[in-house]
Amino acid sequence: MTLDVSKTALVVIDMQKGVLAIPCAPYSTTDVLAKTVSLADAFRERGGFVVLVNVDFHDGRDALHPITDEEPATHRAWSSDASVIAPELGPKSGDLLVTKRQWGAFFGTELDLQLRRRGIDTIVLCGIATDIGVETTAREAYQLGYHQIFVEDAMTAMTEEQHRHPLKYLMPRMGRIRSTAEVVRALQA
């Protein structure tokens, strides 16, 4: 695999203080953050475009409030700095910060517009949680026609089963699944 850095963006989902504090599996949030930082650094070193997506709510009324069997996490307590991107990740000069108010990074944001204006046709996707923010963003990107690479070891979920399910059944139908090392090598090619 080779990646044209001028047409490829790294899209990082919810690597923010509030999400990084949640216990995850099969990878710890510390491990996923380290892999994500290495991906972002590799993109930046080659002049690539890095998009850092966070979820935030102005006053809670802008969050989704569907009737569900399980209380959505957005209804739980959210600290004042929960939406702040992990400082070791960024944002850095040239990065785009996109704030979403739901699971997916495309709906209701400027992400598609900013990618298209830069001629981006491929996204490398990572973050937390594999089965929520990453999967929803992947579905949206697929419907918008983007080529996708999912970085398996730079994403995680609340449980190993929640992580593995989309990687086994959904993501192979929407793109390619690779490791952090494979993506970094592809950028060097």
Protein backbone atom coordinates (compact mmCIF):
# COMPACT_ATOMS: atom_id res chain seq x y z
CA MET A 1 0.00 0.00 0.00
CA THR A 2 1.18 3.52 -0.79
CA LEU A 3 -0.53 6.74 0.21
CA ASP A 4 -0.34 10.05 -1.63
CA VAL A 5 -0.07 12.44 1.30
CA SER A 6 -1.43 15.29 -0.82
CA LYS A 7 -4.74 13.41 -1.23
CA THR A 8 -4.89 11.68 2.15
CA ALA A 9 -5.96 13.05 5.54
CA LEU A 10 -5.61 11.59 9.00
CA VAL A 11 -8.96 11.90 10.78
CA VAL A 12 -8.70 11.33 14.54
CA ILE A 13 -11.91 10.71 16.48
CA ASP A 14 -12.44 11.86 20.09
CA MET A 15 -8.89 11.68 21.44
CA GLN A 16 -9.91 14.09 24.17
CA LYS A 17 -9.59 14.19 27.94
CA GLY A 18 -13.11 12.99 28.77
CA VAL A 19 -12.96 10.02 26.40
CA LEU A 20 -9.38 9.07 27.26
CA ALA A 21 -10.48 8.68 30.89
CA ILE A 22 -12.83 5.81 30.00
CA PRO A 23 -11.54 2.23 30.48
CA CYS A 24 -11.21 0.57 27.06
CA ALA A 25 -10.30 -2.74 25.42
CA PRO A 26 -8.55 -4.46 23.76
CA TYR A 27 -6.10 -1.54 23.77
CA SER A 28 -5.70 0.96 26.58
CA THR A 29 -6.38 4.60 25.80
CA THR A 30 -2.70 5.29 26.62
CA ASP A 31 -1.58 2.86 23.90
CA VAL A 32 -4.08 4.22 21.37
CA LEU A 33 -3.01 7.79 22.11
CA ALA A 34 0.66 6.88 21.58
CA LYS A 35 -0.13 5.24 18.21
CA THR A 36 -2.26 8.19 17.18
CA VAL A 37 0.48 10.68 18.07
CA SER A 38 2.93 8.69 15.91
CA LEU A 39 0.47 8.73 13.00
CA ALA A 40 -0.16 12.47 13.35
CA ASP A 41 3.57 13.18 13.55
CA ALA A 42 4.20 11.08 10.41
CA PHE A 43 1.49 12.97 8.51
CA ARG A 44 2.75 16.36 9.66
CA GLU A 45 6.39 15.56 8.81
CA ARG A 46 5.32 14.85 5.22
CA GLY A 47 3.08 17.91 4.91
CA GLY A 48 -0.10 15.88 5.36
CA PHE A 49 -3.43 17.10 6.64
CA VAL A 50 -4.43 16.16 10.19
CA VAL A 51 -8.02 16.54 11.40
CA LEU A 52 -8.68 16.31 15.12
CA VAL A 53 -12.34 15.67 15.87
CA ASN A 54 -13.79 16.16 19.33
CA VAL A 55 -17.30 15.89 20.67
CA ASP A 56 -18.61 18.74 22.77
CA PHE A 57 -21.93 20.11 23.91
CA HIS A 58 -22.63 23.79 24.43
CA ASP A 59 -25.26 23.43 27.13
CA GLY A 60 -26.47 19.85 26.73
CA ARG A 61 -29.49 20.86 24.70
CA ASP A 62 -27.45 20.44 21.50
CA ALA A 63 -26.84 16.76 22.32
CA LEU A 64 -29.03 14.05 20.85
CA HIS A 65 -31.85 12.97 23.18
CA PRO A 66 -33.49 9.89 21.66
CA ILE A 67 -35.57 7.47 23.68
CA THR A 68 -33.30 4.45 24.16
CA ASP A 69 -32.98 1.32 26.28
CA GLU A 70 -29.55 2.45 27.51
CA GLU A 71 -28.83 5.96 28.74
CA PRO A 72 -26.58 7.72 26.22
CA ALA A 73 -23.18 8.77 27.57
CA THR A 74 -23.98 12.36 26.57
CA HIS A 75 -26.57 12.48 29.36
CA ARG A 76 -23.96 11.72 32.01
CA ALA A 77 -21.77 14.27 33.75
CA TRP A 78 -19.32 16.00 31.39
CA SER A 79 -16.46 17.97 32.98
CA SER A 80 -15.51 21.41 31.69
CA ASP A 81 -12.29 20.14 30.05
CA ALA A 82 -13.67 16.79 28.79
CA SER A 83 -13.68 17.95 25.16
CA VAL A 84 -10.06 19.19 25.18
CA ILE A 85 -7.83 17.25 22.75
CA ALA A 86 -4.97 15.40 24.43
CA PRO A 87 -2.15 17.99 24.57
CA GLU A 88 0.50 15.58 23.27
CA LEU A 89 -1.61 15.14 20.12
CA GLY A 90 -2.39 18.75 19.35
CA PRO A 91 -3.77 20.66 17.74
CA LYS A 92 -0.57 21.73 16.00
CA SER A 93 -0.08 24.33 13.28
CA GLY A 94 -1.94 23.32 10.14
CA ASP A 95 -4.30 20.89 11.89
CA LEU A 96 -8.06 21.29 11.55
CA LEU A 97 -10.16 20.98 14.69
CA VAL A 98 -13.72 19.79 14.06
CA THR A 99 -16.27 19.76 16.85
CA LYS A 100 -19.20 17.39 16.48
CA ARG A 101 -22.38 17.15 18.51
CA GLN A 102 -23.16 13.51 17.77
CA TRP A 103 -21.34 10.25 16.96
CA GLY A 104 -20.27 10.95 13.36
CA ALA A 105 -17.73 13.58 12.32
CA PHE A 106 -19.39 14.52 9.01
CA PHE A 107 -23.02 15.26 9.89
CA GLY A 108 -23.51 18.92 10.81
CA THR A 109 -19.80 19.84 10.55
CA GLU A 110 -17.51 21.32 7.91
CA LEU A 111 -15.37 18.17 7.61
CA ASP A 112 -16.50 17.15 4.11
CA LEU A 113 -16.13 20.71 2.81
CA GLN A 114 -12.61 21.10 4.21
CA LEU A 115 -11.46 17.73 2.84
CA ARG A 116 -12.88 18.36 -0.65
CA ARG A 117 -11.37 21.87 -0.83
CA ARG A 118 -7.97 20.29 -0.25
CA GLY A 119 -8.47 17.57 -2.86
CA ILE A 120 -8.57 14.81 -0.24
CA ASP A 121 -10.09 11.55 -1.48
CA THR A 122 -8.69 9.16 1.15
CA ILE A 123 -8.98 9.25 4.92
CA VAL A 124 -6.99 7.33 7.48
CA LEU A 125 -9.32 6.87 10.42
CA CYS A 126 -8.49 6.18 14.07
CA GLY A 127 -9.71 7.06 17.56
CA ILE A 128 -12.23 6.09 20.21
CA ALA A 129 -14.60 4.32 20.15
CA THR A 130 -14.23 1.85 17.28
CA ASP A 131 -17.93 0.96 17.31
CA ILE A 132 -19.35 4.42 17.93
CA GLY A 133 -17.53 7.55 16.72
CA VAL A 134 -15.12 5.77 14.37
CA GLU A 135 -17.73 3.45 12.86
CA THR A 136 -20.33 6.20 12.41
CA THR A 137 -17.75 8.47 10.76
CA ALA A 138 -16.69 5.55 8.54
CA ARG A 139 -20.26 4.96 7.40
CA GLU A 140 -20.68 8.65 6.61
CA ALA A 141 -17.36 8.77 4.72
CA TYR A 142 -18.30 5.66 2.74
CA GLN A 143 -21.58 7.25 1.65
CA LEU A 144 -19.67 10.38 0.61
CA GLY A 145 -17.32 8.31 -1.57
CA TYR A 146 -14.05 8.53 0.39
CA HIS A 147 -11.45 5.77 0.25
CA GLN A 148 -10.71 4.68 3.81
CA ILE A 149 -7.97 3.05 5.83
CA PHE A 150 -8.82 1.96 9.36
CA VAL A 151 -5.88 1.83 11.77
CA GLU A 152 -6.80 -1.16 13.92
CA ASP A 153 -4.22 -0.63 16.68
CA ALA A 154 -4.94 3.12 16.90
CA MET A 155 -8.55 2.62 17.89
CA THR A 156 -10.29 0.89 20.77
CA ALA A 157 -13.72 0.53 22.38
CA MET A 158 -15.37 -0.10 25.74
CA THR A 159 -14.95 -3.87 25.25
CA GLU A 160 -12.91 -6.10 22.98
CA GLU A 161 -16.11 -7.41 21.38
CA GLN A 162 -17.25 -3.87 20.55
CA HIS A 163 -13.85 -3.22 18.96
CA ARG A 164 -13.67 -6.46 16.96
CA HIS A 165 -17.23 -6.52 15.61
CA PRO A 166 -17.00 -3.54 13.18
CA LEU A 167 -13.47 -4.57 12.18
CA LYS A 168 -14.69 -8.04 11.24
CA TYR A 169 -18.08 -7.35 9.69
CA LEU A 170 -18.32 -3.74 8.56
CA MET A 171 -15.03 -1.99 7.93
CA PRO A 172 -13.66 -4.52 5.40
CA ARG A 173 -16.67 -3.63 3.22
CA MET A 174 -15.87 0.10 3.39
CA GLY A 175 -12.10 0.22 3.21
CA ARG A 176 -8.82 -1.36 4.24
CA ILE A 177 -7.70 -2.32 7.74
CA ARG A 178 -4.04 -1.70 8.53
CA SER A 179 -1.72 -1.20 11.50
CA THR A 180 -0.02 2.03 12.54
CA ALA A 181 3.32 0.69 11.25
CA GLU A 182 1.80 -0.17 7.85
CA VAL A 183 0.30 3.31 7.45
CA VAL A 184 3.54 5.04 8.42
CA ARG A 185 5.47 2.86 5.91
CA ALA A 186 2.92 3.68 3.21
CA LEU A 187 3.47 7.41 3.81
CA GLN A 188 7.21 6.92 3.38
CA ALA A 189 6.83 5.17 0.04
